[in-house]
ModelCIF file with pLDDT and N, C-alpha, C, O atoms, coordinates in Angstrom:
data_MODEL
#
_entry.id   MODEL 
#
_entity.id                         1 
_entity.type                       polymer 
_entity.pdbx_number_of_molecules   1 
#
_entity_poly.entity_id                      1 
_entity_poly.type                           'polypeptide(L)' 
_entity_poly.nstd_linkage                   no 
_entity_poly.nstd_monomer                   no 
_entity_poly.pdbx_seq_one_letter_code       
;(UNK)(UNK)(UNK)(UNK)(UNK)(UNK)(UNK)(UNK)(UNK)(UNK)(UNK)(UNK)(UNK)(UNK)(UNK)(UNK)
(UNK)(UNK)(UNK)(UNK)(UNK)(UNK)(UNK)(UNK)(UNK)(UNK)(UNK)(UNK)(UNK)(UNK)
;
_entity_poly.pdbx_seq_one_letter_code_can   XXXXXXXXXXXXXXXXXXXXXXXXXXXXXX 
_entity_poly.pdbx_strand_id                 A 
#
loop_
_entity_poly_seq.entity_id 
_entity_poly_seq.num 
_entity_poly_seq.mon_id 
_entity_poly_seq.hetero 
1 1  UNK n 
1 2  UNK n 
1 3  UNK n 
1 4  UNK n 
1 5  UNK n 
1 6  UNK n 
1 7  UNK n 
1 8  UNK n 
1 9  UNK n 
1 10 UNK n 
1 11 UNK n 
1 12 UNK n 
1 13 UNK n 
1 14 UNK n 
1 15 UNK n 
1 16 UNK n 
1 17 UNK n 
1 18 UNK n 
1 19 UNK n 
1 20 UNK n 
1 21 UNK n 
1 22 UNK n 
1 23 UNK n 
1 24 UNK n 
1 25 UNK n 
1 26 UNK n 
1 27 UNK n 
1 28 UNK n 
1 29 UNK n 
1 30 UNK n 
#
_struct_asym.id          A 
_struct_asym.entity_id   1 
#
loop_
_ma_qa_metric.id 
_ma_qa_metric.mode 
_ma_qa_metric.name 
_ma_qa_metric.software_group_id 
_ma_qa_metric.type 
1 global pLDDT . pLDDT 
2 local  pLDDT . pLDDT 
#
_ma_qa_metric_global.metric_id      1 
_ma_qa_metric_global.metric_value   75.83 
_ma_qa_metric_global.model_id       1 
_ma_qa_metric_global.ordinal_id     1 
#
loop_
_ma_qa_metric_local.label_asym_id 
_ma_qa_metric_local.label_comp_id 
_ma_qa_metric_local.label_seq_id 
_ma_qa_metric_local.metric_id 
_ma_qa_metric_local.metric_value 
_ma_qa_metric_local.model_id 
_ma_qa_metric_local.ordinal_id 
A UNK 1  2 70.00 1 1  
A UNK 2  2 69.00 1 2  
A UNK 3  2 69.00 1 3  
A UNK 4  2 65.00 1 4  
A UNK 5  2 66.00 1 5  
A UNK 6  2 66.00 1 6  
A UNK 7  2 62.00 1 7  
A UNK 8  2 61.00 1 8  
A UNK 9  2 61.00 1 9  
A UNK 10 2 63.00 1 10 
A UNK 11 2 56.00 1 11 
A UNK 12 2 58.00 1 12 
A UNK 13 2 63.00 1 13 
A UNK 14 2 63.00 1 14 
A UNK 15 2 73.00 1 15 
A UNK 16 2 80.00 1 16 
A UNK 17 2 81.00 1 17 
A UNK 18 2 85.00 1 18 
A UNK 19 2 86.00 1 19 
A UNK 20 2 85.00 1 20 
A UNK 21 2 88.00 1 21 
A UNK 22 2 88.00 1 22 
A UNK 23 2 89.00 1 23 
A UNK 24 2 88.00 1 24 
A UNK 25 2 90.00 1 25 
A UNK 26 2 91.00 1 26 
A UNK 27 2 89.00 1 27 
A UNK 28 2 90.00 1 28 
A UNK 29 2 92.00 1 29 
A UNK 30 2 88.00 1 30 
#
loop_
_atom_site.group_PDB 
_atom_site.id 
_atom_site.type_symbol 
_atom_site.label_atom_id 
_atom_site.label_alt_id 
_atom_site.label_comp_id 
_atom_site.label_asym_id 
_atom_site.label_entity_id 
_atom_site.label_seq_id 
_atom_site.pdbx_PDB_ins_code 
_atom_site.Cartn_x 
_atom_site.Cartn_y 
_atom_site.Cartn_z 
_atom_site.occupancy 
_atom_site.B_iso_or_equiv 
_atom_site.pdbx_formal_charge 
_atom_site.auth_seq_id 
_atom_site.auth_comp_id 
_atom_site.auth_asym_id 
_atom_site.auth_atom_id 
_atom_site.pdbx_PDB_model_num 
ATOM 1   N N  . UNK A 1 1  ? 115.173 69.265 85.485  1.00 70.00 ? 1  UNK A N  1 
ATOM 2   C CA . UNK A 1 1  ? 114.800 70.509 84.977  1.00 70.00 ? 1  UNK A CA 1 
ATOM 3   C C  . UNK A 1 1  ? 113.247 70.598 84.610  1.00 70.00 ? 1  UNK A C  1 
ATOM 4   O O  . UNK A 1 1  ? 112.454 71.364 85.159  1.00 70.00 ? 1  UNK A O  1 
ATOM 5   N N  . UNK A 1 2  ? 113.032 69.959 83.894  1.00 69.00 ? 2  UNK A N  1 
ATOM 6   C CA . UNK A 1 2  ? 111.739 69.656 83.379  1.00 69.00 ? 2  UNK A CA 1 
ATOM 7   C C  . UNK A 1 2  ? 110.416 69.704 85.027  1.00 69.00 ? 2  UNK A C  1 
ATOM 8   O O  . UNK A 1 2  ? 109.484 70.429 85.373  1.00 69.00 ? 2  UNK A O  1 
ATOM 9   N N  . UNK A 1 3  ? 110.990 68.693 85.480  1.00 69.00 ? 3  UNK A N  1 
ATOM 10  C CA . UNK A 1 3  ? 110.175 68.517 86.637  1.00 69.00 ? 3  UNK A CA 1 
ATOM 11  C C  . UNK A 1 3  ? 109.964 70.162 87.474  1.00 69.00 ? 3  UNK A C  1 
ATOM 12  O O  . UNK A 1 3  ? 108.947 70.789 87.769  1.00 69.00 ? 3  UNK A O  1 
ATOM 13  N N  . UNK A 1 4  ? 111.160 70.402 87.629  1.00 65.00 ? 4  UNK A N  1 
ATOM 14  C CA . UNK A 1 4  ? 111.231 71.581 88.650  1.00 65.00 ? 4  UNK A CA 1 
ATOM 15  C C  . UNK A 1 4  ? 110.550 72.564 88.119  1.00 65.00 ? 4  UNK A C  1 
ATOM 16  O O  . UNK A 1 4  ? 109.885 73.159 88.968  1.00 65.00 ? 4  UNK A O  1 
ATOM 17  N N  . UNK A 1 5  ? 110.405 73.155 86.587  1.00 66.00 ? 5  UNK A N  1 
ATOM 18  C CA . UNK A 1 5  ? 109.858 73.762 85.937  1.00 66.00 ? 5  UNK A CA 1 
ATOM 19  C C  . UNK A 1 5  ? 108.308 74.021 85.965  1.00 66.00 ? 5  UNK A C  1 
ATOM 20  O O  . UNK A 1 5  ? 107.690 75.071 86.142  1.00 66.00 ? 5  UNK A O  1 
ATOM 21  N N  . UNK A 1 6  ? 107.851 72.676 85.725  1.00 66.00 ? 6  UNK A N  1 
ATOM 22  C CA . UNK A 1 6  ? 106.275 72.264 85.781  1.00 66.00 ? 6  UNK A CA 1 
ATOM 23  C C  . UNK A 1 6  ? 105.594 72.710 87.337  1.00 66.00 ? 6  UNK A C  1 
ATOM 24  O O  . UNK A 1 6  ? 104.522 73.285 87.527  1.00 66.00 ? 6  UNK A O  1 
ATOM 25  N N  . UNK A 1 7  ? 106.726 72.179 88.495  1.00 62.00 ? 7  UNK A N  1 
ATOM 26  C CA . UNK A 1 7  ? 106.274 72.326 89.971  1.00 62.00 ? 7  UNK A CA 1 
ATOM 27  C C  . UNK A 1 7  ? 106.280 73.844 90.006  1.00 62.00 ? 7  UNK A C  1 
ATOM 28  O O  . UNK A 1 7  ? 105.454 74.321 90.783  1.00 62.00 ? 7  UNK A O  1 
ATOM 29  N N  . UNK A 1 8  ? 107.111 74.797 89.261  1.00 61.00 ? 8  UNK A N  1 
ATOM 30  C CA . UNK A 1 8  ? 107.181 76.365 89.535  1.00 61.00 ? 8  UNK A CA 1 
ATOM 31  C C  . UNK A 1 8  ? 105.995 76.636 88.773  1.00 61.00 ? 8  UNK A C  1 
ATOM 32  O O  . UNK A 1 8  ? 105.190 77.333 89.392  1.00 61.00 ? 8  UNK A O  1 
ATOM 33  N N  . UNK A 1 9  ? 105.607 76.265 87.502  1.00 61.00 ? 9  UNK A N  1 
ATOM 34  C CA . UNK A 1 9  ? 104.332 77.010 87.052  1.00 61.00 ? 9  UNK A CA 1 
ATOM 35  C C  . UNK A 1 9  ? 103.390 76.570 87.907  1.00 61.00 ? 9  UNK A C  1 
ATOM 36  O O  . UNK A 1 9  ? 102.814 77.438 88.562  1.00 61.00 ? 9  UNK A O  1 
ATOM 37  N N  . UNK A 1 10 ? 103.054 75.333 88.087  1.00 63.00 ? 10 UNK A N  1 
ATOM 38  C CA . UNK A 1 10 ? 101.959 74.655 89.188  1.00 63.00 ? 10 UNK A CA 1 
ATOM 39  C C  . UNK A 1 10 ? 101.837 75.894 90.192  1.00 63.00 ? 10 UNK A C  1 
ATOM 40  O O  . UNK A 1 10 ? 100.810 76.542 90.392  1.00 63.00 ? 10 UNK A O  1 
ATOM 41  N N  . UNK A 1 11 ? 103.106 76.100 90.793  1.00 56.00 ? 11 UNK A N  1 
ATOM 42  C CA . UNK A 1 11 ? 103.015 77.338 91.925  1.00 56.00 ? 11 UNK A CA 1 
ATOM 43  C C  . UNK A 1 11 ? 102.430 78.563 91.854  1.00 56.00 ? 11 UNK A C  1 
ATOM 44  O O  . UNK A 1 11 ? 101.594 79.122 92.564  1.00 56.00 ? 11 UNK A O  1 
ATOM 45  N N  . UNK A 1 12 ? 103.195 78.977 90.573  1.00 58.00 ? 12 UNK A N  1 
ATOM 46  C CA . UNK A 1 12 ? 102.317 80.410 89.753  1.00 58.00 ? 12 UNK A CA 1 
ATOM 47  C C  . UNK A 1 12 ? 101.219 80.205 89.543  1.00 58.00 ? 12 UNK A C  1 
ATOM 48  O O  . UNK A 1 12 ? 100.593 81.217 89.857  1.00 58.00 ? 12 UNK A O  1 
ATOM 49  N N  . UNK A 1 13 ? 100.496 79.362 89.133  1.00 63.00 ? 13 UNK A N  1 
ATOM 50  C CA . UNK A 1 13 ? 99.152  79.239 88.786  1.00 63.00 ? 13 UNK A CA 1 
ATOM 51  C C  . UNK A 1 13 ? 98.299  79.425 90.048  1.00 63.00 ? 13 UNK A C  1 
ATOM 52  O O  . UNK A 1 13 ? 97.332  80.185 90.029  1.00 63.00 ? 13 UNK A O  1 
ATOM 53  N N  . UNK A 1 14 ? 98.750  78.543 91.453  1.00 63.00 ? 14 UNK A N  1 
ATOM 54  C CA . UNK A 1 14 ? 98.044  78.916 92.498  1.00 63.00 ? 14 UNK A CA 1 
ATOM 55  C C  . UNK A 1 14 ? 98.182  80.060 93.087  1.00 63.00 ? 14 UNK A C  1 
ATOM 56  O O  . UNK A 1 14 ? 97.231  80.588 93.662  1.00 63.00 ? 14 UNK A O  1 
ATOM 57  N N  . UNK A 1 15 ? 99.002  80.434 93.048  1.00 73.00 ? 15 UNK A N  1 
ATOM 58  C CA . UNK A 1 15 ? 99.298  81.924 93.555  1.00 73.00 ? 15 UNK A CA 1 
ATOM 59  C C  . UNK A 1 15 ? 98.632  83.140 92.872  1.00 73.00 ? 15 UNK A C  1 
ATOM 60  O O  . UNK A 1 15 ? 98.254  84.148 93.471  1.00 73.00 ? 15 UNK A O  1 
ATOM 61  N N  . UNK A 1 16 ? 98.536  82.918 91.540  1.00 80.00 ? 16 UNK A N  1 
ATOM 62  C CA . UNK A 1 16 ? 97.839  83.731 90.543  1.00 80.00 ? 16 UNK A CA 1 
ATOM 63  C C  . UNK A 1 16 ? 96.249  83.652 90.846  1.00 80.00 ? 16 UNK A C  1 
ATOM 64  O O  . UNK A 1 16 ? 95.532  84.649 90.755  1.00 80.00 ? 16 UNK A O  1 
ATOM 65  N N  . UNK A 1 17 ? 95.853  82.600 91.149  1.00 81.00 ? 17 UNK A N  1 
ATOM 66  C CA . UNK A 1 17 ? 94.654  82.083 91.884  1.00 81.00 ? 17 UNK A CA 1 
ATOM 67  C C  . UNK A 1 17 ? 94.069  83.059 93.009  1.00 81.00 ? 17 UNK A C  1 
ATOM 68  O O  . UNK A 1 17 ? 93.080  83.791 93.001  1.00 81.00 ? 17 UNK A O  1 
ATOM 69  N N  . UNK A 1 18 ? 95.126  82.779 94.062  1.00 85.00 ? 18 UNK A N  1 
ATOM 70  C CA . UNK A 1 18 ? 94.814  83.446 95.116  1.00 85.00 ? 18 UNK A CA 1 
ATOM 71  C C  . UNK A 1 18 ? 94.858  85.039 95.286  1.00 85.00 ? 18 UNK A C  1 
ATOM 72  O O  . UNK A 1 18 ? 94.364  85.604 96.261  1.00 85.00 ? 18 UNK A O  1 
ATOM 73  N N  . UNK A 1 19 ? 95.482  85.681 94.267  1.00 86.00 ? 19 UNK A N  1 
ATOM 74  C CA . UNK A 1 19 ? 95.580  86.971 93.849  1.00 86.00 ? 19 UNK A CA 1 
ATOM 75  C C  . UNK A 1 19 ? 94.249  87.387 93.503  1.00 86.00 ? 19 UNK A C  1 
ATOM 76  O O  . UNK A 1 19 ? 93.480  88.168 94.064  1.00 86.00 ? 19 UNK A O  1 
ATOM 77  N N  . UNK A 1 20 ? 94.149  86.739 92.518  1.00 85.00 ? 20 UNK A N  1 
ATOM 78  C CA . UNK A 1 20 ? 92.986  87.297 91.570  1.00 85.00 ? 20 UNK A CA 1 
ATOM 79  C C  . UNK A 1 20 ? 91.569  87.413 92.620  1.00 85.00 ? 20 UNK A C  1 
ATOM 80  O O  . UNK A 1 20 ? 90.774  88.353 92.573  1.00 85.00 ? 20 UNK A O  1 
ATOM 81  N N  . UNK A 1 21 ? 91.463  86.169 93.608  1.00 88.00 ? 21 UNK A N  1 
ATOM 82  C CA . UNK A 1 21 ? 90.667  85.917 94.585  1.00 88.00 ? 21 UNK A CA 1 
ATOM 83  C C  . UNK A 1 21 ? 90.774  87.153 95.585  1.00 88.00 ? 21 UNK A C  1 
ATOM 84  O O  . UNK A 1 21 ? 89.689  87.722 95.702  1.00 88.00 ? 21 UNK A O  1 
ATOM 85  N N  . UNK A 1 22 ? 91.849  87.737 96.369  1.00 88.00 ? 22 UNK A N  1 
ATOM 86  C CA . UNK A 1 22 ? 91.852  88.793 97.007  1.00 88.00 ? 22 UNK A CA 1 
ATOM 87  C C  . UNK A 1 22 ? 91.355  90.061 96.125  1.00 88.00 ? 22 UNK A C  1 
ATOM 88  O O  . UNK A 1 22 ? 90.443  90.796 96.505  1.00 88.00 ? 22 UNK A O  1 
ATOM 89  N N  . UNK A 1 23 ? 91.998  90.220 95.008  1.00 89.00 ? 23 UNK A N  1 
ATOM 90  C CA . UNK A 1 23 ? 91.163  91.503 94.462  1.00 89.00 ? 23 UNK A CA 1 
ATOM 91  C C  . UNK A 1 23 ? 90.219  91.242 94.123  1.00 89.00 ? 23 UNK A C  1 
ATOM 92  O O  . UNK A 1 23 ? 89.632  92.320 94.212  1.00 89.00 ? 23 UNK A O  1 
ATOM 93  N N  . UNK A 1 24 ? 89.327  90.353 93.649  1.00 88.00 ? 24 UNK A N  1 
ATOM 94  C CA . UNK A 1 24 ? 87.847  90.045 93.779  1.00 88.00 ? 24 UNK A CA 1 
ATOM 95  C C  . UNK A 1 24 ? 86.982  90.308 94.927  1.00 88.00 ? 24 UNK A C  1 
ATOM 96  O O  . UNK A 1 24 ? 85.880  90.853 94.853  1.00 88.00 ? 24 UNK A O  1 
ATOM 97  N N  . UNK A 1 25 ? 87.487  89.932 95.880  1.00 90.00 ? 25 UNK A N  1 
ATOM 98  C CA . UNK A 1 25 ? 87.102  90.035 97.131  1.00 90.00 ? 25 UNK A CA 1 
ATOM 99  C C  . UNK A 1 25 ? 87.017  91.330 97.897  1.00 90.00 ? 25 UNK A C  1 
ATOM 100 O O  . UNK A 1 25 ? 86.202  91.622 98.772  1.00 90.00 ? 25 UNK A O  1 
ATOM 101 N N  . UNK A 1 26 ? 88.190  92.192 97.321  1.00 91.00 ? 26 UNK A N  1 
ATOM 102 C CA . UNK A 1 26 ? 88.388  93.498 98.024  1.00 91.00 ? 26 UNK A CA 1 
ATOM 103 C C  . UNK A 1 26 ? 87.074  94.526 97.287  1.00 91.00 ? 26 UNK A C  1 
ATOM 104 O O  . UNK A 1 26 ? 86.372  95.377 97.833  1.00 91.00 ? 26 UNK A O  1 
ATOM 105 N N  . UNK A 1 27 ? 87.095  93.953 95.564  1.00 89.00 ? 27 UNK A N  1 
ATOM 106 C CA . UNK A 1 27 ? 86.242  95.077 94.989  1.00 89.00 ? 27 UNK A CA 1 
ATOM 107 C C  . UNK A 1 27 ? 85.119  94.557 95.266  1.00 89.00 ? 27 UNK A C  1 
ATOM 108 O O  . UNK A 1 27 ? 84.427  95.575 95.237  1.00 89.00 ? 27 UNK A O  1 
ATOM 109 N N  . UNK A 1 28 ? 84.198  93.465 95.592  1.00 90.00 ? 28 UNK A N  1 
ATOM 110 C CA . UNK A 1 28 ? 83.185  93.191 95.716  1.00 90.00 ? 28 UNK A CA 1 
ATOM 111 C C  . UNK A 1 28 ? 82.687  93.979 97.097  1.00 90.00 ? 28 UNK A C  1 
ATOM 112 O O  . UNK A 1 28 ? 81.620  94.592 97.156  1.00 90.00 ? 28 UNK A O  1 
ATOM 113 N N  . UNK A 1 29 ? 83.729  93.851 98.306  1.00 92.00 ? 29 UNK A N  1 
ATOM 114 C CA . UNK A 1 29 ? 83.238  94.763 99.344  1.00 92.00 ? 29 UNK A CA 1 
ATOM 115 C C  . UNK A 1 29 ? 83.382  96.201 99.321  1.00 92.00 ? 29 UNK A C  1 
ATOM 116 O O  . UNK A 1 29 ? 82.860  96.953 100.145 1.00 92.00 ? 29 UNK A O  1 
ATOM 117 N N  . UNK A 1 30 ? 84.067  96.539 98.402  1.00 88.00 ? 30 UNK A N  1 
ATOM 118 C CA . UNK A 1 30 ? 83.971  98.428 98.082  1.00 88.00 ? 30 UNK A CA 1 
ATOM 119 C C  . UNK A 1 30 ? 82.748  98.411 97.583  1.00 88.00 ? 30 UNK A C  1 
ATOM 120 O O  . UNK A 1 30 ? 82.218  99.458 97.210  1.00 88.00 ? 30 UNK A O  1 
#
């Protein structure tokens, strides 16, 4: 259970970074 939760949190962190990069790149382009 702990390993699955840690892996899920790692995926969320990676995904959050991707989302932030998308928003930042679009804002710069705008």
